[in-house]
PDB file of N, CA and C in Angstrom:
ATOM      1  N   MET A   1     -15.599  -4.923 -69.205  1.00  0.00           N
ATOM      2  CA  MET A   1     -14.014  -3.646 -68.825  1.00  0.00           C
ATOM      3  C   MET A   1     -13.228  -5.202 -69.189  1.00  0.00           C
ATOM      4  N   THR A   2     -11.975  -5.089 -70.598  1.00  0.00           N
ATOM      5  CA  THR A   2     -11.386  -4.905 -70.414  1.00  0.00           C
ATOM      6  C   THR A   2      -9.916  -5.455 -70.042  1.00  0.00           C
ATOM      7  N   HIS A   3      -8.557  -7.066 -70.536  1.00  0.00           N
ATOM      8  CA  HIS A   3      -7.556  -7.374 -69.085  1.00  0.00           C
ATOM      9  C   HIS A   3      -7.037  -6.094 -69.244  1.00  0.00           C
ATOM     10  N   SER A   4      -6.793  -5.145 -70.413  1.00  0.00           N
ATOM     11  CA  SER A   4      -5.647  -4.070 -70.443  1.00  0.00           C
ATOM     12  C   SER A   4      -5.898  -2.765 -69.556  1.00  0.00           C
ATOM     13  N   SER A   5      -7.893  -3.061 -69.825  1.00  0.00           N
ATOM     14  CA  SER A   5      -8.043  -1.151 -69.272  1.00  0.00           C
ATOM     15  C   SER A   5      -8.064  -1.635 -67.165  1.00  0.00           C
ATOM     16  N   TYR A   6      -8.331  -2.385 -68.474  1.00  0.00           N
ATOM     17  CA  TYR A   6      -8.613  -1.769 -65.465  1.00  0.00           C
ATOM     18  C   TYR A   6      -6.775  -1.833 -65.162  1.00  0.00           C
ATOM     19  N   LYS A   7      -5.556  -2.554 -65.805  1.00  0.00           N
ATOM     20  CA  LYS A   7      -4.357  -2.105 -65.732  1.00  0.00           C
ATOM     21  C   LYS A   7      -3.265  -0.454 -65.888  1.00  0.00           C
ATOM     22  N   LYS A   8      -5.053   0.256 -66.744  1.00  0.00           N
ATOM     23  CA  LYS A   8      -4.883   1.645 -67.142  1.00  0.00           C
ATOM     24  C   LYS A   8      -5.516   2.121 -65.363  1.00  0.00           C
ATOM     25  N   VAL A   9      -6.123   2.475 -65.090  1.00  0.00           N
ATOM     26  CA  VAL A   9      -6.532   1.892 -64.278  1.00  0.00           C
ATOM     27  C   VAL A   9      -6.086   2.035 -62.839  1.00  0.00           C
ATOM     28  N   ILE A  10      -5.398   1.070 -62.436  1.00  0.00           N
ATOM     29  CA  ILE A  10      -4.782   0.815 -61.223  1.00  0.00           C
ATOM     30  C   ILE A  10      -3.822   1.604 -61.642  1.00  0.00           C
ATOM     31  N   THR A  11      -2.829   2.023 -62.660  1.00  0.00           N
ATOM     32  CA  THR A  11      -2.185   2.635 -62.404  1.00  0.00           C
ATOM     33  C   THR A  11      -2.110   4.351 -61.950  1.00  0.00           C
ATOM     34  N   GLN A  12      -3.521   4.751 -63.094  1.00  0.00           N
ATOM     35  CA  GLN A  12      -4.083   6.120 -62.276  1.00  0.00           C
ATOM     36  C   GLN A  12      -4.383   6.408 -60.395  1.00  0.00           C
ATOM     37  N   LEU A  13      -4.720   4.564 -60.030  1.00  0.00           N
ATOM     38  CA  LEU A  13      -4.877   4.616 -58.798  1.00  0.00           C
ATOM     39  C   LEU A  13      -3.927   5.070 -57.951  1.00  0.00           C
ATOM     40  N   ASN A  14      -2.488   5.268 -58.767  1.00  0.00           N
ATOM     41  CA  ASN A  14      -1.784   4.987 -57.272  1.00  0.00           C
ATOM     42  C   ASN A  14      -1.292   5.574 -56.059  1.00  0.00           C
ATOM     43  N   ASN A  15      -2.111   6.789 -56.893  1.00  0.00           N
ATOM     44  CA  ASN A  15      -1.688   8.642 -55.532  1.00  0.00           C
ATOM     45  C   ASN A  15      -3.413   8.431 -54.773  1.00  0.00           C
ATOM     46  N   LYS A  16      -4.067   7.058 -55.308  1.00  0.00           N
ATOM     47  CA  LYS A  16      -5.717   7.639 -54.133  1.00  0.00           C
ATOM     48  C   LYS A  16      -5.455   5.641 -53.851  1.00  0.00           C
ATOM     49  N   PRO A  17      -4.482   5.640 -52.792  1.00  0.00           N
ATOM     50  CA  PRO A  17      -4.842   4.520 -51.882  1.00  0.00           C
ATOM     51  C   PRO A  17      -6.203   3.806 -51.656  1.00  0.00           C
ATOM     52  N   VAL A  18      -6.576   3.903 -51.373  1.00  0.00           N
ATOM     53  CA  VAL A  18      -7.988   3.463 -50.674  1.00  0.00           C
ATOM     54  C   VAL A  18      -8.956   3.343 -51.857  1.00  0.00           C
ATOM     55  N   LYS A  19      -8.672   4.317 -52.645  1.00  0.00           N
ATOM     56  CA  LYS A  19      -9.858   4.241 -54.089  1.00  0.00           C
ATOM     57  C   LYS A  19      -9.149   3.218 -54.999  1.00  0.00           C
ATOM     58  N   LYS A  20      -8.027   2.954 -55.386  1.00  0.00           N
ATOM     59  CA  LYS A  20      -7.378   1.483 -55.730  1.00  0.00           C
ATOM     60  C   LYS A  20      -7.808   0.210 -55.033  1.00  0.00           C
ATOM     61  N   LYS A  21      -7.862   0.327 -53.202  1.00  0.00           N
ATOM     62  CA  LYS A  21      -7.976  -0.758 -53.108  1.00  0.00           C
ATOM     63  C   LYS A  21      -9.181  -1.187 -53.241  1.00  0.00           C
ATOM     64  N   ILE A  22     -10.399  -0.130 -53.043  1.00  0.00           N
ATOM     65  CA  ILE A  22     -11.419  -1.348 -54.089  1.00  0.00           C
ATOM     66  C   ILE A  22     -11.597  -0.969 -55.109  1.00  0.00           C
ATOM     67  N   PHE A  23     -11.091   0.055 -55.350  1.00  0.00           N
ATOM     68  CA  PHE A  23     -11.290  -1.053 -57.635  1.00  0.00           C
ATOM     69  C   PHE A  23     -10.424  -2.304 -57.638  1.00  0.00           C
ATOM     70  N   GLN A  24     -10.047  -2.772 -57.143  1.00  0.00           N
ATOM     71  CA  GLN A  24      -8.949  -4.461 -56.322  1.00  0.00           C
ATOM     72  C   GLN A  24     -10.509  -5.059 -56.615  1.00  0.00           C
ATOM     73  N   LYS A  25     -10.067  -4.964 -55.640  1.00  0.00           N
ATOM     74  CA  LYS A  25     -11.383  -5.707 -55.362  1.00  0.00           C
ATOM     75  C   LYS A  25     -12.618  -5.549 -56.121  1.00  0.00           C
ATOM     76  N   ASN A  26     -13.118  -4.556 -56.125  1.00  0.00           N
ATOM     77  CA  ASN A  26     -14.295  -4.809 -56.973  1.00  0.00           C
ATOM     78  C   ASN A  26     -14.422  -5.239 -58.236  1.00  0.00           C
ATOM     79  N   SER A  27     -12.872  -4.453 -59.252  1.00  0.00           N
ATOM     80  CA  SER A  27     -13.151  -3.950 -61.210  1.00  0.00           C
ATOM     81  C   SER A  27     -12.711  -5.223 -61.339  1.00  0.00           C
ATOM     82  N   VAL A  28     -11.227  -5.933 -60.857  1.00  0.00           N
ATOM     83  CA  VAL A  28     -10.570  -6.907 -61.392  1.00  0.00           C
ATOM     84  C   VAL A  28     -10.906  -8.240 -62.099  1.00  0.00           C
ATOM     85  N   PRO A  29     -10.450  -8.858 -62.859  1.00  0.00           N
ATOM     86  CA  PRO A  29     -10.949  -9.671 -62.471  1.00  0.00           C
ATOM     87  C   PRO A  29     -10.448 -11.535 -62.158  1.00  0.00           C
ATOM     88  N   LYS A  30     -11.225 -12.032 -62.357  1.00  0.00           N
ATOM     89  CA  LYS A  30     -10.885 -13.272 -61.045  1.00  0.00           C
ATOM     90  C   LYS A  30      -9.663 -14.218 -62.301  1.00  0.00           C
ATOM     91  N   LYS A  31      -8.703 -14.202 -61.443  1.00  0.00           N
ATOM     92  CA  LYS A  31      -8.148 -15.899 -61.792  1.00  0.00           C
ATOM     93  C   LYS A  31      -9.454 -16.917 -62.190  1.00  0.00           C
ATOM     94  N   ARG A  32      -8.486 -17.238 -63.790  1.00  0.00           N
ATOM     95  CA  ARG A  32      -9.468 -18.553 -64.256  1.00  0.00           C
ATOM     96  C   ARG A  32      -8.817 -19.697 -64.588  1.00  0.00           C
ATOM     97  N   ASN A  33      -9.281 -21.158 -63.628  1.00  0.00           N
ATOM     98  CA  ASN A  33      -8.262 -22.400 -64.154  1.00  0.00           C
ATOM     99  C   ASN A  33      -8.810 -23.482 -64.874  1.00  0.00           C
ATOM    100  N   CYS A  34     -10.683 -22.765 -65.440  1.00  0.00           N
ATOM    101  CA  CYS A  34     -10.487 -24.109 -66.544  1.00  0.00           C
ATOM    102  C   CYS A  34     -11.741 -22.999 -67.547  1.00  0.00           C
ATOM    103  N   GLY A  35     -12.654 -23.036 -68.467  1.00  0.00           N
ATOM    104  CA  GLY A  35     -13.276 -23.165 -68.985  1.00  0.00           C
ATOM    105  C   GLY A  35     -13.244 -22.382 -70.529  1.00  0.00           C
ATOM    106  N   CYS A  36     -13.623 -21.198 -71.003  1.00  0.00           N
ATOM    107  CA  CYS A  36     -13.223 -20.659 -72.156  1.00  0.00           C
ATOM    108  C   CYS A  36     -12.506 -19.482 -71.794  1.00  0.00           C
ATOM    109  N   ALA A  37     -12.640 -19.187 -71.411  1.00  0.00           N
ATOM    110  CA  ALA A  37     -12.142 -17.242 -70.317  1.00  0.00           C
ATOM    111  C   ALA A  37     -11.001 -17.408 -70.333  1.00  0.00           C
ATOM    112  N   LYS A  38      -9.894 -19.055 -70.021  1.00  0.00           N
ATOM    113  CA  LYS A  38      -9.177 -18.569 -69.973  1.00  0.00           C
ATOM    114  C   LYS A  38      -7.492 -19.194 -70.586  1.00  0.00           C
ATOM    115  N   ILE A  39      -7.861 -19.581 -72.065  1.00  0.00           N
ATOM    116  CA  ILE A  39      -7.594 -19.515 -73.239  1.00  0.00           C
ATOM    117  C   ILE A  39      -7.650 -18.589 -73.832  1.00  0.00           C
ATOM    118  N   LYS A  40      -7.040 -17.715 -74.352  1.00  0.00           N
ATOM    119  CA  LYS A  40      -6.621 -16.455 -75.125  1.00  0.00           C
ATOM    120  C   LYS A  40      -6.244 -17.423 -76.759  1.00  0.00           C
ATOM    121  N   CYS A  41      -6.523 -15.840 -78.136  1.00  0.00           N
ATOM    122  CA  CYS A  41      -5.774 -16.075 -78.580  1.00  0.00           C
ATOM    123  C   CYS A  41      -4.315 -15.860 -78.982  1.00  0.00           C
ATOM    124  N   ARG A  42      -3.388 -16.493 -79.502  1.00  0.00           N
ATOM    125  CA  ARG A  42      -2.033 -16.093 -79.349  1.00  0.00           C
ATOM    126  C   ARG A  42      -1.494 -14.644 -79.963  1.00  0.00           C
ATOM    127  N   ARG A  43      -2.460 -14.604 -80.729  1.00  0.00           N
ATOM    128  CA  ARG A  43      -2.103 -13.506 -81.774  1.00  0.00           C
ATOM    129  C   ARG A  43      -2.922 -12.162 -81.771  1.00  0.00           C
ATOM    130  N   CYS A  44      -4.015 -12.032 -81.296  1.00  0.00           N
ATOM    131  CA  CYS A  44      -4.470 -10.822 -80.606  1.00  0.00           C
ATOM    132  C   CYS A  44      -5.589 -11.052 -79.213  1.00  0.00           C
ATOM    133  N   GLY A  45      -5.539 -11.550 -78.463  1.00  0.00           N
ATOM    134  CA  GLY A  45      -5.736 -12.183 -77.431  1.00  0.00           C
ATOM    135  C   GLY A  45      -7.176 -12.125 -77.014  1.00  0.00           C
ATOM    136  N   ARG A  46      -7.733 -12.069 -78.094  1.00  0.00           N
ATOM    137  CA  ARG A  46      -9.220 -12.656 -78.579  1.00  0.00           C
ATOM    138  C   ARG A  46      -9.718 -14.326 -77.911  1.00  0.00           C
ATOM    139  N   MET A  47     -11.522 -14.179 -76.590  1.00  0.00           N
ATOM    140  CA  MET A  47     -11.104 -15.429 -75.632  1.00  0.00           C
ATOM    141  C   MET A  47     -12.196 -16.661 -76.215  1.00  0.00           C
ATOM    142  N   LYS A  48     -12.665 -15.709 -77.560  1.00  0.00           N
ATOM    143  CA  LYS A  48     -14.100 -17.465 -78.331  1.00  0.00           C
ATOM    144  C   LYS A  48     -14.128 -17.209 -79.044  1.00  0.00           C
ATOM    145  N   GLY A  49     -14.391 -18.867 -79.833  1.00  0.00           N
ATOM    146  CA  GLY A  49     -13.580 -19.055 -81.256  1.00  0.00           C
ATOM    147  C   GLY A  49     -12.077 -19.353 -81.144  1.00  0.00           C
ATOM    148  N   ILE A  50     -11.822 -19.993 -80.649  1.00  0.00           N
ATOM    149  CA  ILE A  50     -10.311 -20.781 -80.376  1.00  0.00           C
ATOM    150  C   ILE A  50     -10.719 -21.981 -81.267  1.00  0.00           C
ATOM    151  N   VAL A  51      -9.366 -22.342 -82.022  1.00  0.00           N
ATOM    152  CA  VAL A  51      -9.381 -23.784 -82.665  1.00  0.00           C
ATOM    153  C   VAL A  51      -8.724 -24.241 -82.054  1.00  0.00           C
ATOM    154  N   GLY A  52      -8.268 -25.038 -81.387  1.00  0.00           N
ATOM    155  CA  GLY A  52      -7.091 -25.990 -79.977  1.00  0.00           C
ATOM    156  C   GLY A  52      -6.541 -27.250 -80.517  1.00  0.00           C
ATOM    157  N   GLN A  53      -7.517 -27.252 -81.483  1.00  0.00           N
ATOM    158  CA  GLN A  53      -6.812 -28.228 -81.952  1.00  0.00           C
ATOM    159  C   GLN A  53      -5.742 -28.479 -82.782  1.00  0.00           C
ATOM    160  N   TYR A  54      -4.420 -29.143 -82.159  1.00  0.00           N
ATOM    161  CA  TYR A  54      -3.334 -29.734 -82.464  1.00  0.00           C
ATOM    162  C   TYR A  54      -2.867 -28.411 -81.141  1.00  0.00           C
ATOM    163  N   LYS A  55      -2.601 -28.048 -80.375  1.00  0.00           N
ATOM    164  CA  LYS A  55      -2.375 -27.215 -79.666  1.00  0.00           C
ATOM    165  C   LYS A  55      -2.171 -25.978 -80.278  1.00  0.00           C
ATOM    166  N   ILE A  56      -3.396 -25.349 -81.248  1.00  0.00           N
ATOM    167  CA  ILE A  56      -2.619 -23.771 -82.384  1.00  0.00           C
ATOM    168  C   ILE A  56      -3.058 -22.989 -81.418  1.00  0.00           C
ATOM    169  N   ASN A  57      -4.563 -22.622 -80.848  1.00  0.00           N
ATOM    170  CA  ASN A  57      -4.286 -21.784 -79.129  1.00  0.00           C
ATOM    171  C   ASN A  57      -4.888 -20.271 -80.625  1.00  0.00           C
ATOM    172  N   MET A  58      -5.327 -20.257 -81.949  1.00  0.00           N
ATOM    173  CA  MET A  58      -5.759 -19.062 -82.660  1.00  0.00           C
ATOM    174  C   MET A  58      -7.597 -18.930 -82.494  1.00  0.00           C
ATOM    175  N   CYS A  59      -7.531 -18.052 -82.799  1.00  0.00           N
ATOM    176  CA  CYS A  59      -8.880 -17.483 -82.073  1.00  0.00           C
ATOM    177  C   CYS A  59      -9.425 -18.506 -84.568  1.00  0.00           C
ATOM    178  N   ARG A  60     -10.551 -18.255 -84.597  1.00  0.00           N
ATOM    179  CA  ARG A  60     -11.182 -18.543 -86.281  1.00  0.00           C
ATOM    180  C   ARG A  60      -9.859 -18.248 -87.213  1.00  0.00           C
ATOM    181  N   GLN A  61     -10.569 -16.137 -87.142  1.00  0.00           N
ATOM    182  CA  GLN A  61     -10.087 -15.268 -87.852  1.00  0.00           C
ATOM    183  C   GLN A  61      -9.145 -15.154 -88.082  1.00  0.00           C
ATOM    184  N   CYS A  62      -7.854 -15.239 -86.291  1.00  0.00           N
ATOM    185  CA  CYS A  62      -6.356 -15.135 -87.515  1.00  0.00           C
ATOM    186  C   CYS A  62      -6.917 -16.587 -88.076  1.00  0.00           C
ATOM    187  N   PHE A  63      -6.758 -17.920 -87.360  1.00  0.00           N
ATOM    188  CA  PHE A  63      -6.766 -18.965 -88.231  1.00  0.00           C
ATOM    189  C   PHE A  63      -6.680 -18.792 -89.990  1.00  0.00           C
ATOM    190  N   ARG A  64      -7.900 -18.361 -90.377  1.00  0.00           N
ATOM    191  CA  ARG A  64      -8.796 -18.379 -91.657  1.00  0.00           C
ATOM    192  C   ARG A  64      -7.279 -16.928 -92.173  1.00  0.00           C
ATOM    193  N   GLU A  65      -6.188 -16.781 -91.561  1.00  0.00           N
ATOM    194  CA  GLU A  65      -5.609 -15.694 -92.187  1.00  0.00           C
ATOM    195  C   GLU A  65      -4.497 -16.920 -91.834  1.00  0.00           C
ATOM    196  N   PHE A  66      -3.872 -16.990 -91.255  1.00  0.00           N
ATOM    197  CA  PHE A  66      -1.882 -17.426 -91.004  1.00  0.00           C
ATOM    198  C   PHE A  66      -2.301 -19.215 -91.595  1.00  0.00           C
ATOM    199  N   ALA A  67      -3.277 -20.417 -92.761  1.00  0.00           N
ATOM    200  CA  ALA A  67      -3.453 -21.454 -92.473  1.00  0.00           C
ATOM    201  C   ALA A  67      -2.542 -21.637 -93.354  1.00  0.00           C
ATOM    202  N   THR A  68      -2.757 -21.251 -94.524  1.00  0.00           N
ATOM    203  CA  THR A  68      -1.661 -21.329 -95.426  1.00  0.00           C
ATOM    204  C   THR A  68      -0.407 -21.313 -95.998  1.00  0.00           C
ATOM    205  N   LYS A  69      -0.131 -20.968 -94.555  1.00  0.00           N
ATOM    206  CA  LYS A  69       0.969 -20.215 -93.727  1.00  0.00           C
ATOM    207  C   LYS A  69       1.910 -21.420 -92.982  1.00  0.00           C
ATOM    208  N   ILE A  70       0.059 -22.297 -92.325  1.00  0.00           N
ATOM    209  CA  ILE A  70       0.865 -23.310 -91.005  1.00  0.00           C
ATOM    210  C   ILE A  70       1.363 -24.457 -92.558  1.00  0.00           C
ATOM    211  N   GLY A  71       0.133 -24.676 -93.382  1.00  0.00           N
ATOM    212  CA  GLY A  71       0.148 -25.712 -93.871  1.00  0.00           C
ATOM    213  C   GLY A  71      -0.943 -26.777 -93.728  1.00  0.00           C
ATOM    214  N   PHE A  72      -2.375 -25.231 -93.195  1.00  0.00           N
ATOM    215  CA  PHE A  72      -3.271 -26.155 -94.208  1.00  0.00           C
ATOM    216  C   PHE A  72      -4.265 -25.752 -95.516  1.00  0.00           C
ATOM    217  N   VAL A  73      -4.528 -27.319 -95.848  1.00  0.00           N
ATOM    218  CA  VAL A  73      -4.993 -26.166 -97.399  1.00  0.00           C
ATOM    219  C   VAL A  73      -6.047 -26.435 -96.868  1.00  0.00           C
ATOM    220  N   GLN A  74      -7.229 -25.817 -98.039  1.00  0.00           N
ATOM    221  CA  GLN A  74      -8.259 -25.744 -98.169  1.00  0.00           C
ATOM    222  C   GLN A  74      -9.100 -26.547 -99.282  1.00  0.00           C
ATOM    223  N   TYR A  75      -9.954 -27.232 -98.818  1.00  0.00           N
ATOM    224  CA  TYR A  75     -10.939 -28.092 -99.259  1.00  0.00           C
ATOM    225  C   TYR A  75     -12.324 -26.903 -99.921  1.00  0.00           C
ATOM    226  N   SER A  76     -12.651 -27.871-101.422  1.00  0.00           N
ATOM    227  CA  SER A  76     -13.792 -26.048-102.202  1.00  0.00           C
ATOM    228  C   SER A  76     -14.841 -27.747-101.673  1.00  0.00           C
TER     229      SER A  76
END
């Protein structure tokens, strides 16, 4: 379940407090304070393949698109 989809379900369950409480207990992702699931891509929100060097915090796919605009040069 993605981060955004569980919030949609919670808004739908506002009229059913018992089911909402059970859903929040079992289905809401827990808060992270370390690890790969804490850092997200600034642009698309992906959690895997993060380029964290120089505090870029972009996934590798977004980094490939914006590398030349940021100022990186590709050597072959």
